[in-house]
């Protein structure tokens, strides 16, 4: 996923929050609960915590696995287990994007802390 520039943090939060809200309404899955937690704590993220969140990345092996699953998905060749795994990666990526957007917004609202 490409980083979102600081000046578009509000737009990023709006888009990802909508996506996470839709996911959260599917039930109380772990990712839905975490999405609500991240969205509700946006105002209380300290600058140090925001900087730490912005450093989070998927490992190289996770990125490789997502690429493999995406290719199989595009070919219509995912097994049911792989489809579930791919969905979980997508959900985790959405959550990470929301968290990073909140971090960028926290830093933008407190530029002296950067």
PDB file of N, CA and C in Angstrom:
ATOM      1  N   UNK A   1       0.826  -1.173   0.000  1.00  0.00           N
ATOM      2  CA  UNK A   1       0.000   0.000   0.000  1.00  0.00           C
ATOM      3  C   UNK A   1       0.875   1.244   0.000  1.00  0.00           C
ATOM      4  N   UNK A   2       0.471   2.218  -0.771  1.00  0.00           N
ATOM      5  CA  UNK A   2       1.214   3.461  -0.837  1.00  0.00           C
ATOM      6  C   UNK A   2       0.882   4.341   0.354  1.00  0.00           C
ATOM      7  N   UNK A   3       1.883   5.042   0.918  1.00  0.00           N
ATOM      8  CA  UNK A   3       1.585   5.952   2.017  1.00  0.00           C
ATOM      9  C   UNK A   3       0.702   7.100   1.553  1.00  0.00           C
ATOM     10  N   UNK A   4      -0.157   7.557   2.422  1.00  0.00           N
ATOM     11  CA  UNK A   4      -1.039   8.678   2.119  1.00  0.00           C
ATOM     12  C   UNK A   4      -0.350   9.949   2.568  1.00  0.00           C
ATOM     13  N   UNK A   5      -0.214  10.965   1.691  1.00  0.00           N
ATOM     14  CA  UNK A   5       0.413  12.215   2.120  1.00  0.00           C
ATOM     15  C   UNK A   5      -0.350  12.833   3.288  1.00  0.00           C
ATOM     16  N   UNK A   6       0.385  13.562   4.141  1.00  0.00           N
ATOM     17  CA  UNK A   6      -0.221  14.163   5.327  1.00  0.00           C
ATOM     18  C   UNK A   6      -1.382  15.066   4.965  1.00  0.00           C
ATOM     19  N   UNK A   7      -1.280  15.811   3.866  1.00  0.00           N
ATOM     20  CA  UNK A   7      -2.343  16.751   3.535  1.00  0.00           C
ATOM     21  C   UNK A   7      -3.629  16.067   3.070  1.00  0.00           C
ATOM     22  N   UNK A   8      -3.613  14.777   2.900  1.00  0.00           N
ATOM     23  CA  UNK A   8      -4.841  14.082   2.524  1.00  0.00           C
ATOM     24  C   UNK A   8      -5.309  13.136   3.627  1.00  0.00           C
ATOM     25  N   UNK A   9      -4.842  13.338   4.837  1.00  0.00           N
ATOM     26  CA  UNK A   9      -5.197  12.448   5.946  1.00  0.00           C
ATOM     27  C   UNK A   9      -6.692  12.435   6.197  1.00  0.00           C
ATOM     28  N   UNK A  10      -7.329  13.603   6.135  1.00  0.00           N
ATOM     29  CA  UNK A  10      -8.772  13.646   6.388  1.00  0.00           C
ATOM     30  C   UNK A  10      -9.535  12.808   5.367  1.00  0.00           C
ATOM     31  N   UNK A  11      -9.183  12.924   4.090  1.00  0.00           N
ATOM     32  CA  UNK A  11      -9.835  12.128   3.051  1.00  0.00           C
ATOM     33  C   UNK A  11      -9.569  10.651   3.261  1.00  0.00           C
ATOM     34  N   UNK A  12      -8.354  10.313   3.594  1.00  0.00           N
ATOM     35  CA  UNK A  12      -8.002   8.922   3.821  1.00  0.00           C
ATOM     36  C   UNK A  12      -8.807   8.344   4.972  1.00  0.00           C
ATOM     37  N   UNK A  13      -8.916   9.080   6.052  1.00  0.00           N
ATOM     38  CA  UNK A  13      -9.678   8.611   7.204  1.00  0.00           C
ATOM     39  C   UNK A  13     -11.136   8.401   6.820  1.00  0.00           C
ATOM     40  N   UNK A  14     -11.718   9.332   6.047  1.00  0.00           N
ATOM     41  CA  UNK A  14     -13.112   9.216   5.655  1.00  0.00           C
ATOM     42  C   UNK A  14     -13.341   7.952   4.829  1.00  0.00           C
ATOM     43  N   UNK A  15     -12.495   7.708   3.836  1.00  0.00           N
ATOM     44  CA  UNK A  15     -12.655   6.552   2.966  1.00  0.00           C
ATOM     45  C   UNK A  15     -12.440   5.254   3.731  1.00  0.00           C
ATOM     46  N   UNK A  16     -11.374   5.193   4.502  1.00  0.00           N
ATOM     47  CA  UNK A  16     -11.071   3.960   5.217  1.00  0.00           C
ATOM     48  C   UNK A  16     -12.048   3.734   6.356  1.00  0.00           C
ATOM     49  N   UNK A  17     -12.475   4.810   7.016  1.00  0.00           N
ATOM     50  CA  UNK A  17     -13.446   4.650   8.085  1.00  0.00           C
ATOM     51  C   UNK A  17     -14.743   4.068   7.537  1.00  0.00           C
ATOM     52  N   UNK A  18     -15.154   4.521   6.362  1.00  0.00           N
ATOM     53  CA  UNK A  18     -16.356   3.977   5.733  1.00  0.00           C
ATOM     54  C   UNK A  18     -16.166   2.492   5.451  1.00  0.00           C
ATOM     55  N   UNK A  19     -15.024   2.136   4.915  1.00  0.00           N
ATOM     56  CA  UNK A  19     -14.731   0.728   4.629  1.00  0.00           C
ATOM     57  C   UNK A  19     -14.723  -0.100   5.905  1.00  0.00           C
ATOM     58  N   UNK A  20     -14.063   0.419   6.938  1.00  0.00           N
ATOM     59  CA  UNK A  20     -14.000  -0.314   8.206  1.00  0.00           C
ATOM     60  C   UNK A  20     -15.357  -0.353   8.885  1.00  0.00           C
ATOM     61  N   UNK A  21     -16.154   0.703   8.727  1.00  0.00           N
ATOM     62  CA  UNK A  21     -17.499   0.694   9.303  1.00  0.00           C
ATOM     63  C   UNK A  21     -18.326  -0.412   8.659  1.00  0.00           C
ATOM     64  N   UNK A  22     -18.236  -0.511   7.336  1.00  0.00           N
ATOM     65  CA  UNK A  22     -18.970  -1.561   6.637  1.00  0.00           C
ATOM     66  C   UNK A  22     -18.516  -2.937   7.108  1.00  0.00           C
ATOM     67  N   UNK A  23     -17.210  -3.090   7.286  1.00  0.00           N
ATOM     68  CA  UNK A  23     -16.685  -4.347   7.799  1.00  0.00           C
ATOM     69  C   UNK A  23     -17.187  -4.594   9.219  1.00  0.00           C
ATOM     70  N   UNK A  24     -17.169  -3.572  10.038  1.00  0.00           N
ATOM     71  CA  UNK A  24     -17.578  -3.718  11.435  1.00  0.00           C
ATOM     72  C   UNK A  24     -19.045  -4.115  11.555  1.00  0.00           C
ATOM     73  N   UNK A  25     -19.853  -3.691  10.624  1.00  0.00           N
ATOM     74  CA  UNK A  25     -21.269  -4.013  10.686  1.00  0.00           C
ATOM     75  C   UNK A  25     -21.547  -5.466  10.317  1.00  0.00           C
ATOM     76  N   UNK A  26     -20.522  -6.177   9.840  1.00  0.00           N
ATOM     77  CA  UNK A  26     -20.695  -7.584   9.487  1.00  0.00           C
ATOM     78  C   UNK A  26     -20.717  -8.471  10.718  1.00  0.00           C
ATOM     79  N   UNK A  27     -20.435  -7.944  11.871  1.00  0.00           N
ATOM     80  CA  UNK A  27     -20.438  -8.734  13.100  1.00  0.00           C
ATOM     81  C   UNK A  27     -19.230  -8.393  13.942  1.00  0.00           C
ATOM     82  N   UNK A  28     -19.164  -9.005  15.091  1.00  0.00           N
ATOM     83  CA  UNK A  28     -18.076  -8.711  16.002  1.00  0.00           C
ATOM     84  C   UNK A  28     -16.891  -9.637  15.779  1.00  0.00           C
ATOM     85  N   UNK A  29     -16.328  -9.566  14.583  1.00  0.00           N
ATOM     86  CA  UNK A  29     -15.092 -10.278  14.315  1.00  0.00           C
ATOM     87  C   UNK A  29     -13.956  -9.500  14.970  1.00  0.00           C
ATOM     88  N   UNK A  30     -12.831 -10.135  15.132  1.00  0.00           N
ATOM     89  CA  UNK A  30     -11.679  -9.461  15.730  1.00  0.00           C
ATOM     90  C   UNK A  30     -11.329  -8.196  14.964  1.00  0.00           C
ATOM     91  N   UNK A  31     -11.296  -8.278  13.650  1.00  0.00           N
ATOM     92  CA  UNK A  31     -10.916  -7.107  12.848  1.00  0.00           C
ATOM     93  C   UNK A  31     -11.953  -5.998  12.982  1.00  0.00           C
ATOM     94  N   UNK A  32     -13.222  -6.344  13.100  1.00  0.00           N
ATOM     95  CA  UNK A  32     -14.264  -5.333  13.269  1.00  0.00           C
ATOM     96  C   UNK A  32     -14.115  -4.630  14.607  1.00  0.00           C
ATOM     97  N   UNK A  33     -13.848  -5.395  15.640  1.00  0.00           N
ATOM     98  CA  UNK A  33     -13.660  -4.805  16.975  1.00  0.00           C
ATOM     99  C   UNK A  33     -12.437  -3.893  16.978  1.00  0.00           C
ATOM    100  N   UNK A  34     -11.340  -4.356  16.396  1.00  0.00           N
ATOM    101  CA  UNK A  34     -10.127  -3.532  16.346  1.00  0.00           C
ATOM    102  C   UNK A  34     -10.334  -2.273  15.500  1.00  0.00           C
ATOM    103  N   UNK A  35     -11.099  -2.381  14.425  1.00  0.00           N
ATOM    104  CA  UNK A  35     -11.387  -1.210  13.594  1.00  0.00           C
ATOM    105  C   UNK A  35     -12.120  -0.144  14.391  1.00  0.00           C
ATOM    106  N   UNK A  36     -13.105  -0.576  15.175  1.00  0.00           N
ATOM    107  CA  UNK A  36     -13.834   0.388  16.004  1.00  0.00           C
ATOM    108  C   UNK A  36     -12.927   0.994  17.060  1.00  0.00           C
ATOM    109  N   UNK A  37     -12.054   0.190  17.618  1.00  0.00           N
ATOM    110  CA  UNK A  37     -11.117   0.678  18.626  1.00  0.00           C
ATOM    111  C   UNK A  37     -10.184   1.740  18.048  1.00  0.00           C
ATOM    112  N   UNK A  38      -9.618   1.464  16.890  1.00  0.00           N
ATOM    113  CA  UNK A  38      -8.718   2.421  16.245  1.00  0.00           C
ATOM    114  C   UNK A  38      -9.465   3.703  15.894  1.00  0.00           C
ATOM    115  N   UNK A  39     -10.656   3.578  15.330  1.00  0.00           N
ATOM    116  CA  UNK A  39     -11.429   4.762  14.935  1.00  0.00           C
ATOM    117  C   UNK A  39     -11.812   5.612  16.137  1.00  0.00           C
ATOM    118  N   UNK A  40     -12.093   4.986  17.262  1.00  0.00           N
ATOM    119  CA  UNK A  40     -12.535   5.743  18.432  1.00  0.00           C
ATOM    120  C   UNK A  40     -11.392   6.389  19.192  1.00  0.00           C
ATOM    121  N   UNK A  41     -10.162   5.970  18.950  1.00  0.00           N
ATOM    122  CA  UNK A  41      -9.040   6.506  19.705  1.00  0.00           C
ATOM    123  C   UNK A  41      -8.188   7.474  18.896  1.00  0.00           C
ATOM    124  N   UNK A  42      -8.698   7.940  17.779  1.00  0.00           N
ATOM    125  CA  UNK A  42      -7.917   8.809  16.896  1.00  0.00           C
ATOM    126  C   UNK A  42      -7.455  10.080  17.592  1.00  0.00           C
ATOM    127  N   UNK A  43      -8.283  10.658  18.443  1.00  0.00           N
ATOM    128  CA  UNK A  43      -7.944  11.922  19.077  1.00  0.00           C
ATOM    129  C   UNK A  43      -6.910  11.785  20.188  1.00  0.00           C
ATOM    130  N   UNK A  44      -6.689  10.582  20.686  1.00  0.00           N
ATOM    131  CA  UNK A  44      -5.807  10.423  21.829  1.00  0.00           C
ATOM    132  C   UNK A  44      -4.438   9.844  21.477  1.00  0.00           C
ATOM    133  N   UNK A  45      -4.104   9.794  20.206  1.00  0.00           N
ATOM    134  CA  UNK A  45      -2.831   9.234  19.773  1.00  0.00           C
ATOM    135  C   UNK A  45      -1.712  10.245  20.018  1.00  0.00           C
ATOM    136  N   UNK A  46      -0.745   9.877  20.843  1.00  0.00           N
ATOM    137  CA  UNK A  46       0.380  10.776  21.128  1.00  0.00           C
ATOM    138  C   UNK A  46       1.286  10.867  19.906  1.00  0.00           C
ATOM    139  N   UNK A  47       2.073  11.931  19.796  1.00  0.00           N
ATOM    140  CA  UNK A  47       2.993  12.042  18.664  1.00  0.00           C
ATOM    141  C   UNK A  47       3.967  10.865  18.571  1.00  0.00           C
ATOM    142  N   UNK A  48       4.478  10.401  19.709  1.00  0.00           N
ATOM    143  CA  UNK A  48       5.399   9.260  19.674  1.00  0.00           C
ATOM    144  C   UNK A  48       4.695   8.001  19.177  1.00  0.00           C
ATOM    145  N   UNK A  49       3.478   7.799  19.638  1.00  0.00           N
ATOM    146  CA  UNK A  49       2.709   6.642  19.185  1.00  0.00           C
ATOM    147  C   UNK A  49       2.396   6.761  17.698  1.00  0.00           C
ATOM    148  N   UNK A  50       2.060   7.970  17.260  1.00  0.00           N
ATOM    149  CA  UNK A  50       1.759   8.192  15.842  1.00  0.00           C
ATOM    150  C   UNK A  50       2.978   7.871  14.981  1.00  0.00           C
ATOM    151  N   UNK A  51       4.146   8.306  15.407  1.00  0.00           N
ATOM    152  CA  UNK A  51       5.372   8.005  14.655  1.00  0.00           C
ATOM    153  C   UNK A  51       5.609   6.500  14.603  1.00  0.00           C
ATOM    154  N   UNK A  52       5.358   5.809  15.714  1.00  0.00           N
ATOM    155  CA  UNK A  52       5.545   4.360  15.744  1.00  0.00           C
ATOM    156  C   UNK A  52       4.564   3.656  14.805  1.00  0.00           C
ATOM    157  N   UNK A  53       3.334   4.106  14.783  1.00  0.00           N
ATOM    158  CA  UNK A  53       2.327   3.504  13.901  1.00  0.00           C
ATOM    159  C   UNK A  53       2.754   3.655  12.445  1.00  0.00           C
ATOM    160  N   UNK A  54       3.301   4.814  12.099  1.00  0.00           N
ATOM    161  CA  UNK A  54       3.705   5.056  10.713  1.00  0.00           C
ATOM    162  C   UNK A  54       4.866   4.156  10.271  1.00  0.00           C
ATOM    163  N   UNK A  55       5.552   3.551  11.209  1.00  0.00           N
ATOM    164  CA  UNK A  55       6.652   2.638  10.873  1.00  0.00           C
ATOM    165  C   UNK A  55       6.186   1.202  10.643  1.00  0.00           C
ATOM    166  N   UNK A  56       4.940   0.904  10.978  1.00  0.00           N
ATOM    167  CA  UNK A  56       4.434  -0.465  10.823  1.00  0.00           C
ATOM    168  C   UNK A  56       4.331  -0.846   9.348  1.00  0.00           C
ATOM    169  N   UNK A  57       4.773  -2.040   9.041  1.00  0.00           N
ATOM    170  CA  UNK A  57       4.729  -2.566   7.675  1.00  0.00           C
ATOM    171  C   UNK A  57       4.469  -4.068   7.745  1.00  0.00           C
ATOM    172  N   UNK A  58       3.886  -4.600   6.688  1.00  0.00           N
ATOM    173  CA  UNK A  58       3.801  -6.050   6.554  1.00  0.00           C
ATOM    174  C   UNK A  58       5.201  -6.564   6.258  1.00  0.00           C
ATOM    175  N   UNK A  59       5.511  -7.742   6.761  1.00  0.00           N
ATOM    176  CA  UNK A  59       6.821  -8.350   6.500  1.00  0.00           C
ATOM    177  C   UNK A  59       6.923  -8.709   5.015  1.00  0.00           C
ATOM    178  N   UNK A  60       8.135  -8.942   4.579  1.00  0.00           N
ATOM    179  CA  UNK A  60       8.357  -9.328   3.182  1.00  0.00           C
ATOM    180  C   UNK A  60       7.626 -10.634   2.864  1.00  0.00           C
ATOM    181  N   UNK A  61       7.613 -11.552   3.812  1.00  0.00           N
ATOM    182  CA  UNK A  61       6.926 -12.825   3.555  1.00  0.00           C
ATOM    183  C   UNK A  61       5.413 -12.627   3.465  1.00  0.00           C
ATOM    184  N   UNK A  62       4.864 -11.724   4.292  1.00  0.00           N
ATOM    185  CA  UNK A  62       3.432 -11.425   4.188  1.00  0.00           C
ATOM    186  C   UNK A  62       3.117 -10.748   2.858  1.00  0.00           C
ATOM    187  N   UNK A  63       3.956  -9.816   2.443  1.00  0.00           N
ATOM    188  CA  UNK A  63       3.734  -9.142   1.166  1.00  0.00           C
ATOM    189  C   UNK A  63       3.791 -10.140   0.016  1.00  0.00           C
ATOM    190  N   UNK A  64       4.731 -11.082   0.084  1.00  0.00           N
ATOM    191  CA  UNK A  64       4.830 -12.112  -0.947  1.00  0.00           C
ATOM    192  C   UNK A  64       3.584 -12.981  -0.964  1.00  0.00           C
ATOM    193  N   UNK A  65       3.096 -13.345   0.218  1.00  0.00           N
ATOM    194  CA  UNK A  65       1.910 -14.194   0.302  1.00  0.00           C
ATOM    195  C   UNK A  65       0.685 -13.479  -0.270  1.00  0.00           C
ATOM    196  N   UNK A  66       0.546 -12.207   0.032  1.00  0.00           N
ATOM    197  CA  UNK A  66      -0.578 -11.434  -0.506  1.00  0.00           C
ATOM    198  C   UNK A  66      -0.496 -11.396  -2.032  1.00  0.00           C
ATOM    199  N   UNK A  67       0.698 -11.207  -2.553  1.00  0.00           N
ATOM    200  CA  UNK A  67       0.864 -11.198  -4.014  1.00  0.00           C
ATOM    201  C   UNK A  67       0.459 -12.530  -4.627  1.00  0.00           C
ATOM    202  N   UNK A  68       0.854 -13.626  -3.980  1.00  0.00           N
ATOM    203  CA  UNK A  68       0.485 -14.954  -4.470  1.00  0.00           C
ATOM    204  C   UNK A  68      -1.035 -15.139  -4.441  1.00  0.00           C
ATOM    205  N   UNK A  69      -1.643 -14.753  -3.323  1.00  0.00           N
ATOM    206  CA  UNK A  69      -3.094 -14.896  -3.197  1.00  0.00           C
ATOM    207  C   UNK A  69      -3.823 -14.007  -4.193  1.00  0.00           C
ATOM    208  N   UNK A  70      -3.321 -12.792  -4.405  1.00  0.00           N
ATOM    209  CA  UNK A  70      -3.951 -11.881  -5.362  1.00  0.00           C
ATOM    210  C   UNK A  70      -3.901 -12.465  -6.776  1.00  0.00           C
ATOM    211  N   UNK A  71      -2.755 -13.027  -7.136  1.00  0.00           N
ATOM    212  CA  UNK A  71      -2.627 -13.621  -8.472  1.00  0.00           C
ATOM    213  C   UNK A  71      -3.601 -14.790  -8.637  1.00  0.00           C
ATOM    214  N   UNK A  72      -3.687 -15.636  -7.628  1.00  0.00           N
ATOM    215  CA  UNK A  72      -4.622 -16.762  -7.697  1.00  0.00           C
ATOM    216  C   UNK A  72      -6.071 -16.274  -7.731  1.00  0.00           C
ATOM    217  N   UNK A  73      -6.348 -15.206  -6.998  1.00  0.00           N
ATOM    218  CA  UNK A  73      -7.698 -14.650  -6.995  1.00  0.00           C
ATOM    219  C   UNK A  73      -8.063 -14.121  -8.379  1.00  0.00           C
ATOM    220  N   UNK A  74      -7.133 -13.414  -8.997  1.00  0.00           N
ATOM    221  CA  UNK A  74      -7.375 -12.875 -10.335  1.00  0.00           C
ATOM    222  C   UNK A  74      -7.628 -13.974 -11.358  1.00  0.00           C
ATOM    223  N   UNK A  75      -7.050 -15.141 -11.129  1.00  0.00           N
ATOM    224  CA  UNK A  75      -7.239 -16.277 -12.034  1.00  0.00           C
ATOM    225  C   UNK A  75      -8.436 -17.134 -11.633  1.00  0.00           C
ATOM    226  N   UNK A  76      -9.077 -16.783 -10.507  1.00  0.00           N
ATOM    227  CA  UNK A  76     -10.209 -17.568 -10.037  1.00  0.00           C
ATOM    228  C   UNK A  76      -9.805 -18.922  -9.475  1.00  0.00           C
ATOM    229  N   UNK A  77      -8.593 -19.008  -8.938  1.00  0.00           N
ATOM    230  CA  UNK A  77      -8.049 -20.292  -8.500  1.00  0.00           C
ATOM    231  C   UNK A  77      -7.865 -20.404  -6.987  1.00  0.00           C
ATOM    232  N   UNK A  78      -8.445 -19.520  -6.204  1.00  0.00           N
ATOM    233  CA  UNK A  78      -8.306 -19.604  -4.752  1.00  0.00           C
ATOM    234  C   UNK A  78      -9.147 -20.751  -4.199  1.00  0.00           C
ATOM    235  N   UNK A  79      -8.563 -21.488  -3.278  1.00  0.00           N
ATOM    236  CA  UNK A  79      -9.347 -22.469  -2.538  1.00  0.00           C
ATOM    237  C   UNK A  79     -10.174 -21.697  -1.504  1.00  0.00           C
ATOM    238  N   UNK A  80     -11.186 -22.306  -0.922  1.00  0.00           N
ATOM    239  CA  UNK A  80     -11.943 -21.602   0.120  1.00  0.00           C
ATOM    240  C   UNK A  80     -11.050 -21.136   1.282  1.00  0.00           C
ATOM    241  N   UNK A  81     -10.071 -21.939   1.668  1.00  0.00           N
ATOM    242  CA  UNK A  81      -9.160 -21.563   2.742  1.00  0.00           C
ATOM    243  C   UNK A  81      -8.299 -20.366   2.337  1.00  0.00           C
ATOM    244  N   UNK A  82      -7.839 -20.371   1.098  1.00  0.00           N
ATOM    245  CA  UNK A  82      -7.033 -19.253   0.610  1.00  0.00           C
ATOM    246  C   UNK A  82      -7.875 -17.986   0.495  1.00  0.00           C
ATOM    247  N   UNK A  83      -9.126 -18.126   0.096  1.00  0.00           N
ATOM    248  CA  UNK A  83     -10.010 -16.956   0.008  1.00  0.00           C
ATOM    249  C   UNK A  83     -10.197 -16.331   1.390  1.00  0.00           C
ATOM    250  N   UNK A  84     -10.350 -17.165   2.400  1.00  0.00           N
ATOM    251  CA  UNK A  84     -10.473 -16.662   3.769  1.00  0.00           C
ATOM    252  C   UNK A  84      -9.186 -15.971   4.201  1.00  0.00           C
ATOM    253  N   UNK A  85      -8.060 -16.594   3.904  1.00  0.00           N
ATOM    254  CA  UNK A  85      -6.758 -15.999   4.246  1.00  0.00           C
ATOM    255  C   UNK A  85      -6.580 -14.654   3.544  1.00  0.00           C
ATOM    256  N   UNK A  86      -6.919 -14.595   2.270  1.00  0.00           N
ATOM    257  CA  UNK A  86      -6.793 -13.361   1.491  1.00  0.00           C
ATOM    258  C   UNK A  86      -7.683 -12.269   2.079  1.00  0.00           C
ATOM    259  N   UNK A  87      -8.913 -12.627   2.434  1.00  0.00           N
ATOM    260  CA  UNK A  87      -9.821 -11.660   3.066  1.00  0.00           C
ATOM    261  C   UNK A  87      -9.226 -11.115   4.355  1.00  0.00           C
ATOM    262  N   UNK A  88      -8.599 -11.988   5.143  1.00  0.00           N
ATOM    263  CA  UNK A  88      -7.989 -11.543   6.404  1.00  0.00           C
ATOM    264  C   UNK A  88      -6.844 -10.567   6.147  1.00  0.00           C
ATOM    265  N   UNK A  89      -6.025 -10.830   5.139  1.00  0.00           N
ATOM    266  CA  UNK A  89      -4.959  -9.896   4.783  1.00  0.00           C
ATOM    267  C   UNK A  89      -5.553  -8.544   4.351  1.00  0.00           C
ATOM    268  N   UNK A  90      -6.609  -8.589   3.557  1.00  0.00           N
ATOM    269  CA  UNK A  90      -7.243  -7.349   3.109  1.00  0.00           C
ATOM    270  C   UNK A  90      -7.793  -6.584   4.307  1.00  0.00           C
ATOM    271  N   UNK A  91      -8.458  -7.275   5.215  1.00  0.00           N
ATOM    272  CA  UNK A  91      -8.999  -6.620   6.406  1.00  0.00           C
ATOM    273  C   UNK A  91      -7.890  -6.025   7.266  1.00  0.00           C
ATOM    274  N   UNK A  92      -6.805  -6.769   7.443  1.00  0.00           N
ATOM    275  CA  UNK A  92      -5.677  -6.258   8.231  1.00  0.00           C
ATOM    276  C   UNK A  92      -5.062  -5.035   7.549  1.00  0.00           C
ATOM    277  N   UNK A  93      -4.964  -5.069   6.229  1.00  0.00           N
ATOM    278  CA  UNK A  93      -4.440  -3.917   5.488  1.00  0.00           C
ATOM    279  C   UNK A  93      -5.337  -2.698   5.633  1.00  0.00           C
ATOM    280  N   UNK A  94      -6.649  -2.912   5.596  1.00  0.00           N
ATOM    281  CA  UNK A  94      -7.587  -1.802   5.796  1.00  0.00           C
ATOM    282  C   UNK A  94      -7.432  -1.203   7.195  1.00  0.00           C
ATOM    283  N   UNK A  95      -7.290  -2.073   8.183  1.00  0.00           N
ATOM    284  CA  UNK A  95      -7.110  -1.599   9.552  1.00  0.00           C
ATOM    285  C   UNK A  95      -5.809  -0.820   9.680  1.00  0.00           C
ATOM    286  N   UNK A  96      -4.738  -1.327   9.108  1.00  0.00           N
ATOM    287  CA  UNK A  96      -3.454  -0.622   9.158  1.00  0.00           C
ATOM    288  C   UNK A  96      -3.553   0.733   8.458  1.00  0.00           C
ATOM    289  N   UNK A  97      -4.248   0.787   7.346  1.00  0.00           N
ATOM    290  CA  UNK A  97      -4.431   2.058   6.635  1.00  0.00           C
ATOM    291  C   UNK A  97      -5.192   3.057   7.496  1.00  0.00           C
ATOM    292  N   UNK A  98      -6.239   2.602   8.172  1.00  0.00           N
ATOM    293  CA  UNK A  98      -6.994   3.472   9.070  1.00  0.00           C
ATOM    294  C   UNK A  98      -6.107   3.980  10.201  1.00  0.00           C
ATOM    295  N   UNK A  99      -5.357   3.081  10.792  1.00  0.00           N
ATOM    296  CA  UNK A  99      -4.488   3.452  11.900  1.00  0.00           C
ATOM    297  C   UNK A  99      -3.441   4.473  11.456  1.00  0.00           C
ATOM    298  N   UNK A 100      -2.851   4.259  10.273  1.00  0.00           N
ATOM    299  CA  UNK A 100      -1.852   5.202   9.759  1.00  0.00           C
ATOM    300  C   UNK A 100      -2.484   6.549   9.420  1.00  0.00           C
ATOM    301  N   UNK A 101      -3.686   6.536   8.880  1.00  0.00           N
ATOM    302  CA  UNK A 101      -4.367   7.807   8.591  1.00  0.00           C
ATOM    303  C   UNK A 101      -4.622   8.568   9.880  1.00  0.00           C
ATOM    304  N   UNK A 102      -5.035   7.861  10.926  1.00  0.00           N
ATOM    305  CA  UNK A 102      -5.233   8.509  12.229  1.00  0.00           C
ATOM    306  C   UNK A 102      -3.917   9.069  12.752  1.00  0.00           C
ATOM    307  N   UNK A 103      -2.832   8.344  12.563  1.00  0.00           N
ATOM    308  CA  UNK A 103      -1.517   8.803  13.013  1.00  0.00           C
ATOM    309  C   UNK A 103      -1.103  10.059  12.260  1.00  0.00           C
ATOM    310  N   UNK A 104      -1.308  10.072  10.951  1.00  0.00           N
ATOM    311  CA  UNK A 104      -0.960  11.266  10.164  1.00  0.00           C
ATOM    312  C   UNK A 104      -1.786  12.476  10.596  1.00  0.00           C
ATOM    313  N   UNK A 105      -3.056  12.235  10.857  1.00  0.00           N
ATOM    314  CA  UNK A 105      -3.919  13.320  11.306  1.00  0.00           C
ATOM    315  C   UNK A 105      -3.461  13.840  12.669  1.00  0.00           C
ATOM    316  N   UNK A 106      -3.103  12.941  13.571  1.00  0.00           N
ATOM    317  CA  UNK A 106      -2.617  13.356  14.891  1.00  0.00           C
ATOM    318  C   UNK A 106      -1.366  14.211  14.751  1.00  0.00           C
ATOM    319  N   UNK A 107      -0.457  13.825  13.868  1.00  0.00           N
ATOM    320  CA  UNK A 107       0.763  14.606  13.659  1.00  0.00           C
ATOM    321  C   UNK A 107       0.469  15.937  12.971  1.00  0.00           C
ATOM    322  N   UNK A 108      -0.487  15.930  12.064  1.00  0.00           N
ATOM    323  CA  UNK A 108      -0.838  17.182  11.378  1.00  0.00           C
ATOM    324  C   UNK A 108      -1.477  18.161  12.355  1.00  0.00           C
ATOM    325  N   UNK A 109      -2.254  17.649  13.306  1.00  0.00           N
ATOM    326  CA  UNK A 109      -2.910  18.517  14.286  1.00  0.00           C
ATOM    327  C   UNK A 109      -1.928  19.015  15.334  1.00  0.00           C
ATOM    328  N   UNK A 110      -0.773  18.397  15.445  1.00  0.00           N
ATOM    329  CA  UNK A 110       0.242  18.791  16.419  1.00  0.00           C
ATOM    330  C   UNK A 110       1.603  18.838  15.727  1.00  0.00           C
ATOM    331  N   UNK A 111       1.788  19.787  14.753  1.00  0.00           N
ATOM    332  CA  UNK A 111       3.017  19.793  13.942  1.00  0.00           C
ATOM    333  C   UNK A 111       4.281  20.055  14.759  1.00  0.00           C
ATOM    334  N   UNK A 112       4.184  20.684  15.904  1.00  0.00           N
ATOM    335  CA  UNK A 112       5.378  20.939  16.709  1.00  0.00           C
ATOM    336  C   UNK A 112       5.969  19.667  17.281  1.00  0.00           C
ATOM    337  N   UNK A 113       5.188  18.611  17.305  1.00  0.00           N
ATOM    338  CA  UNK A 113       5.646  17.343  17.878  1.00  0.00           C
ATOM    339  C   UNK A 113       6.408  16.488  16.868  1.00  0.00           C
ATOM    340  N   UNK A 114       6.372  16.877  15.602  1.00  0.00           N
ATOM    341  CA  UNK A 114       7.028  16.074  14.553  1.00  0.00           C
ATOM    342  C   UNK A 114       8.510  16.286  14.572  1.00  0.00           C
TER     343      UNK A 114
END
